[in-house]
Protein backbone atom coordinates (compact mmCIF):
# COMPACT_ATOMS: atom_id res chain seq x y z
CA MET A 1 -4.85 23.97 -74.00
CA ILE A 2 -2.08 25.81 -72.13
CA GLU A 3 0.24 23.48 -70.14
CA ASN A 4 0.02 24.14 -66.42
CA LEU A 5 3.55 25.23 -65.52
CA LEU A 6 2.79 25.07 -61.85
CA THR A 7 2.11 21.37 -61.67
CA ARG A 8 4.53 19.89 -64.30
CA PRO A 9 8.11 19.03 -63.43
CA GLY A 10 10.64 21.19 -65.18
CA ARG A 11 12.68 24.36 -64.80
CA LEU A 12 12.45 25.74 -61.25
CA PRO A 13 12.12 28.20 -59.78
CA LEU A 14 9.51 29.91 -61.95
CA ILE A 15 9.72 33.69 -62.27
CA ALA A 16 6.34 35.50 -62.30
CA PRO A 17 6.48 39.20 -63.10
CA SER A 18 3.51 41.06 -61.55
CA ILE A 19 1.83 43.52 -63.85
CA LEU A 20 0.91 45.71 -60.90
CA SER A 21 4.10 47.72 -61.64
CA ALA A 22 3.85 47.60 -65.42
CA ASP A 23 3.15 50.59 -67.63
CA PHE A 24 -0.54 50.22 -68.25
CA ALA A 25 -0.37 52.48 -71.27
CA ALA A 26 1.69 49.83 -72.99
CA LEU A 27 0.58 46.72 -71.05
CA GLY A 28 0.53 44.21 -73.88
CA ASP A 29 4.06 45.19 -74.98
CA GLU A 30 5.34 45.13 -71.42
CA CYS A 31 4.03 41.67 -70.79
CA ALA A 32 5.24 40.30 -74.12
CA HIS A 33 8.70 41.69 -73.40
CA VAL A 34 9.15 40.05 -69.94
CA LEU A 35 7.82 36.66 -71.10
CA GLY A 36 9.67 36.74 -74.40
CA GLU A 37 13.04 38.58 -74.42
CA CYS A 38 13.44 38.45 -70.66
CA GLY A 39 12.64 34.77 -70.25
CA ALA A 40 10.12 34.90 -67.40
CA ASP A 41 7.77 32.04 -67.04
CA VAL A 42 4.40 33.15 -65.68
CA LEU A 43 2.43 36.40 -65.68
CA HIS A 44 1.14 37.32 -62.21
CA ILE A 45 -2.04 39.41 -62.15
CA ASP A 46 -2.98 41.05 -58.85
CA VAL A 47 -6.76 41.67 -58.38
CA MET A 48 -7.90 43.83 -55.43
CA ASP A 49 -11.48 44.72 -54.50
CA GLY A 50 -10.91 47.74 -52.22
CA HIS A 51 -12.52 45.81 -49.37
CA PHE A 52 -10.17 43.01 -48.33
CA VAL A 53 -7.25 45.25 -49.19
CA PRO A 54 -7.22 49.11 -49.39
CA ASN A 55 -6.83 49.42 -53.10
CA VAL A 56 -8.67 48.60 -56.32
CA THR A 57 -6.74 47.25 -59.34
CA MET A 58 -7.85 45.25 -62.35
CA GLY A 59 -10.49 42.78 -63.23
CA ALA A 60 -11.33 40.00 -65.70
CA ALA A 61 -11.47 42.49 -68.62
CA VAL A 62 -7.66 43.00 -68.37
CA VAL A 63 -7.05 39.24 -68.42
CA LYS A 64 -9.28 38.92 -71.46
CA SER A 65 -7.33 41.64 -73.32
CA LEU A 66 -4.02 40.12 -72.38
CA ARG A 67 -5.23 36.69 -73.52
CA LYS A 68 -5.84 38.04 -77.02
CA ARG A 69 -2.32 39.48 -77.12
CA LEU A 70 -0.62 36.53 -75.47
CA PRO A 71 -2.55 33.39 -76.41
CA HIS A 72 0.09 30.97 -75.08
CA ALA A 73 1.02 32.71 -71.83
CA PHE A 74 0.30 31.25 -68.38
CA PHE A 75 -1.77 33.63 -66.31
CA ASP A 76 -1.45 33.33 -62.56
CA VAL A 77 -4.25 35.41 -61.04
CA HIS A 78 -4.04 36.44 -57.42
CA LEU A 79 -7.30 37.62 -55.90
CA MET A 80 -7.11 39.80 -52.81
CA VAL A 81 -10.84 39.93 -52.40
CA THR A 82 -13.44 39.23 -49.70
CA ASP A 83 -15.56 36.87 -51.76
CA PRO A 84 -13.44 34.94 -54.32
CA GLY A 85 -16.27 32.65 -55.38
CA GLN A 86 -18.05 35.44 -57.27
CA TYR A 87 -15.02 35.89 -59.52
CA ILE A 88 -14.36 32.32 -60.60
CA ALA A 89 -16.51 32.14 -63.69
CA GLY A 90 -15.47 35.61 -64.95
CA PHE A 91 -11.73 34.91 -64.75
CA ALA A 92 -12.06 31.43 -66.22
CA GLU A 93 -13.97 32.82 -69.19
CA ALA A 94 -11.39 35.63 -69.59
CA GLY A 95 -8.52 33.08 -69.91
CA ALA A 96 -6.93 32.76 -66.50
CA ASP A 97 -5.02 29.55 -65.89
CA HIS A 98 -4.53 29.67 -62.14
CA PHE A 99 -6.67 31.24 -59.42
CA THR A 100 -5.22 32.01 -55.97
CA PHE A 101 -7.38 33.42 -53.17
CA HIS A 102 -6.77 34.20 -49.48
CA VAL A 103 -7.46 32.14 -46.43
CA GLU A 104 -8.23 35.18 -44.22
CA PRO A 105 -11.67 36.14 -45.51
CA ALA A 106 -12.81 32.56 -44.98
CA VAL A 107 -12.06 32.52 -41.26
CA ASP A 108 -13.76 34.06 -38.26
CA ARG A 109 -12.60 37.59 -37.57
CA HIS A 110 -12.68 36.84 -33.85
CA ALA A 111 -10.41 33.78 -33.90
CA GLY A 112 -7.29 34.28 -31.83
CA ALA A 113 -3.77 34.15 -33.31
CA GLY A 114 -3.32 30.59 -32.10
CA ASP A 115 -6.85 29.32 -32.84
CA SER A 116 -7.91 27.13 -35.76
CA PRO A 117 -9.71 28.83 -38.57
CA LEU A 118 -13.54 28.98 -38.29
CA SER A 119 -15.80 29.11 -41.30
CA ARG A 120 -17.18 32.55 -42.14
CA GLY A 121 -19.43 31.74 -45.04
CA TYR A 122 -17.29 29.70 -47.48
CA ASP A 123 -14.98 26.71 -47.26
CA PRO A 124 -11.64 27.21 -49.09
CA ARG A 125 -11.78 23.54 -50.13
CA ALA A 126 -15.17 24.00 -51.79
CA VAL A 127 -13.95 27.11 -53.60
CA ALA A 128 -10.92 25.27 -54.84
CA GLU A 129 -13.19 22.55 -56.25
CA ARG A 130 -15.16 25.13 -58.11
CA VAL A 131 -11.97 26.67 -59.42
CA ARG A 132 -10.88 23.35 -60.88
CA GLU A 133 -14.36 22.66 -62.35
CA ALA A 134 -13.93 25.98 -64.20
CA GLY A 135 -10.70 24.78 -65.74
CA MET A 136 -8.09 26.48 -63.52
CA SER A 137 -5.68 25.27 -60.87
CA ALA A 138 -6.17 26.61 -57.33
CA GLY A 139 -3.93 28.43 -54.87
CA LEU A 140 -4.30 29.54 -51.27
CA ALA A 141 -2.63 32.71 -49.99
CA VAL A 142 -1.66 33.78 -46.47
CA ASN A 143 -0.79 37.25 -45.27
CA PRO A 144 2.29 38.16 -43.10
CA PRO A 145 0.41 38.42 -39.74
CA THR A 146 -1.72 35.26 -40.34
CA PRO A 147 -0.57 32.06 -38.62
CA VAL A 148 0.53 29.66 -41.37
CA GLU A 149 -1.24 26.86 -39.50
CA TRP A 150 -4.50 28.32 -40.80
CA VAL A 151 -3.75 26.74 -44.16
CA GLU A 152 -2.82 23.38 -42.62
CA PRO A 153 -6.26 21.77 -43.06
CA TYR A 154 -5.98 22.46 -46.80
CA LEU A 155 -2.51 21.22 -47.60
CA ASP A 156 -3.89 18.53 -49.90
CA ASP A 157 -6.38 20.70 -51.60
CA PHE A 158 -4.36 23.19 -53.56
CA GLU A 159 -1.81 23.19 -56.35
CA MET A 160 0.03 26.23 -54.89
CA PHE A 161 0.39 28.11 -51.65
CA LEU A 162 1.25 31.81 -51.74
CA VAL A 163 3.14 33.42 -48.89
CA MET A 164 2.75 37.22 -48.89
CA SER A 165 5.96 38.92 -47.94
CA VAL A 166 4.35 42.34 -47.65
CA ASN A 167 0.91 43.35 -46.40
CA PRO A 168 -1.12 43.28 -49.61
CA GLY A 169 -2.51 46.28 -51.37
CA PHE A 170 0.34 48.19 -53.04
CA SER A 171 3.41 47.47 -55.12
CA GLY A 172 6.94 48.56 -53.99
CA GLN A 173 6.69 47.71 -50.27
CA ALA A 174 9.67 46.50 -48.22
CA PHE A 175 10.19 42.75 -47.88
CA ILE A 176 9.20 41.25 -44.48
CA GLU A 177 12.03 38.87 -43.65
CA GLY A 178 10.06 36.92 -41.01
CA VAL A 179 7.80 35.32 -43.57
CA LEU A 180 10.59 33.08 -44.68
CA GLU A 181 9.79 30.82 -41.73
CA LYS A 182 6.31 30.31 -43.15
CA THR A 183 7.86 29.42 -46.50
CA LYS A 184 10.07 26.76 -44.89
CA TRP A 185 7.11 25.35 -43.01
CA LEU A 186 5.05 25.00 -46.14
CA ALA A 187 7.98 23.78 -48.32
CA GLY A 188 8.48 20.91 -45.85
CA ARG A 189 4.84 19.86 -46.18
CA VAL A 190 3.72 20.19 -49.81
CA GLY A 191 3.90 17.34 -52.30
CA GLU A 192 5.83 16.89 -55.56
CA GLY A 193 3.10 18.49 -57.69
CA GLN A 194 2.62 21.53 -55.47
CA ARG A 195 4.34 24.89 -55.46
CA VAL A 196 5.19 27.53 -52.83
CA GLU A 197 5.04 31.06 -54.20
CA MET A 198 6.24 34.33 -52.62
CA ASP A 199 4.88 37.77 -53.50
CA GLY A 200 5.94 41.13 -52.25
CA GLY A 201 9.28 42.96 -52.15
CA VAL A 202 11.11 40.10 -53.85
CA SER A 203 14.31 41.31 -55.51
CA PRO A 204 17.72 40.11 -56.62
CA GLU A 205 19.00 41.13 -53.20
CA ASN A 206 16.78 38.71 -51.27
CA ALA A 207 15.92 36.10 -53.98
CA GLY A 208 18.66 33.75 -52.77
CA ARG A 209 17.07 33.70 -49.26
CA VAL A 210 13.63 33.20 -50.72
CA ARG A 211 14.77 30.22 -52.88
CA GLY A 212 16.72 28.82 -49.90
CA ALA A 213 13.58 28.85 -47.78
CA GLY A 214 11.90 26.53 -50.38
CA CYS A 215 10.01 28.90 -52.59
CA ASP A 216 9.88 27.77 -56.17
CA VAL A 217 7.68 30.56 -57.71
CA LEU A 218 9.01 34.09 -57.26
CA VAL A 219 6.75 37.02 -57.97
CA ALA A 220 8.39 40.41 -58.64
CA ALA A 221 6.69 43.65 -59.58
CA SER A 222 8.78 46.78 -59.20
CA ALA A 223 11.98 44.77 -59.19
CA ILE A 224 11.26 43.87 -62.83
CA PHE A 225 8.81 46.45 -64.33
CA GLY A 226 10.34 49.29 -62.35
CA ARG A 227 13.67 48.90 -64.20
CA PRO A 228 14.62 49.85 -67.76
CA ARG A 229 13.87 47.21 -70.32
CA THR A 230 17.50 46.73 -71.06
CA GLU A 231 18.03 45.48 -67.43
CA ARG A 232 15.03 43.21 -67.05
CA ALA A 233 16.49 40.06 -68.58
CA GLY A 234 19.37 40.20 -66.16
CA ILE A 235 17.08 40.68 -63.24
CA VAL A 236 14.96 37.67 -64.26
CA ARG A 237 18.16 35.59 -64.41
CA SER A 238 19.28 36.86 -61.02
CA LEU A 239 15.93 36.06 -59.43
CA ARG A 240 16.06 32.50 -60.90
CA GLY A 241 19.60 32.07 -59.57
């Protein structure tokens, strides 16, 4: 059984290269390189359904293939989808270790910016329980425009909270500085065994501010995979600080 790097004490922050910017013609080699020679901790896998976000990426088959190549790697799967529940079994069977989904599809579309979330067909807490029953840890993500208070009812129900620092859908977007306040808010409320992750536009230039805001899992896509292999280990060290 793979040790859950998100919940054990140890080296922090964790660096999670996102394969969204990797060379898919050499995906296994790319991932082995960043986790091995470059010293990254976690592989971040972005899943998009073309409905919740305007893009379609990869599914459980990619995770299954990577698991064969990297039997001891920790797979942090981030689902930007409208109905996360339908994907739990597939990703668990494929070999995912962690399953993050978004709070937005679970709340009423007509709720105002200052309102509390209203159920729209599924309860994030119930989905998290199903994720754990399938053998994975659970995370809850929040987009830049979404009030961070929407996750407040679930602070005790997830191993990790993901703050998006770009509007999800595509790699290579510019970092949205204002989301650091959300990170600080969450970092002041999570417990010892919980993590705060940031995804989107994270780079060596802003990583110090991200860490300073309380983030202890940093996702980077183009900042790592968009650079030559000879530079990637240095970038991972810079992100870690």
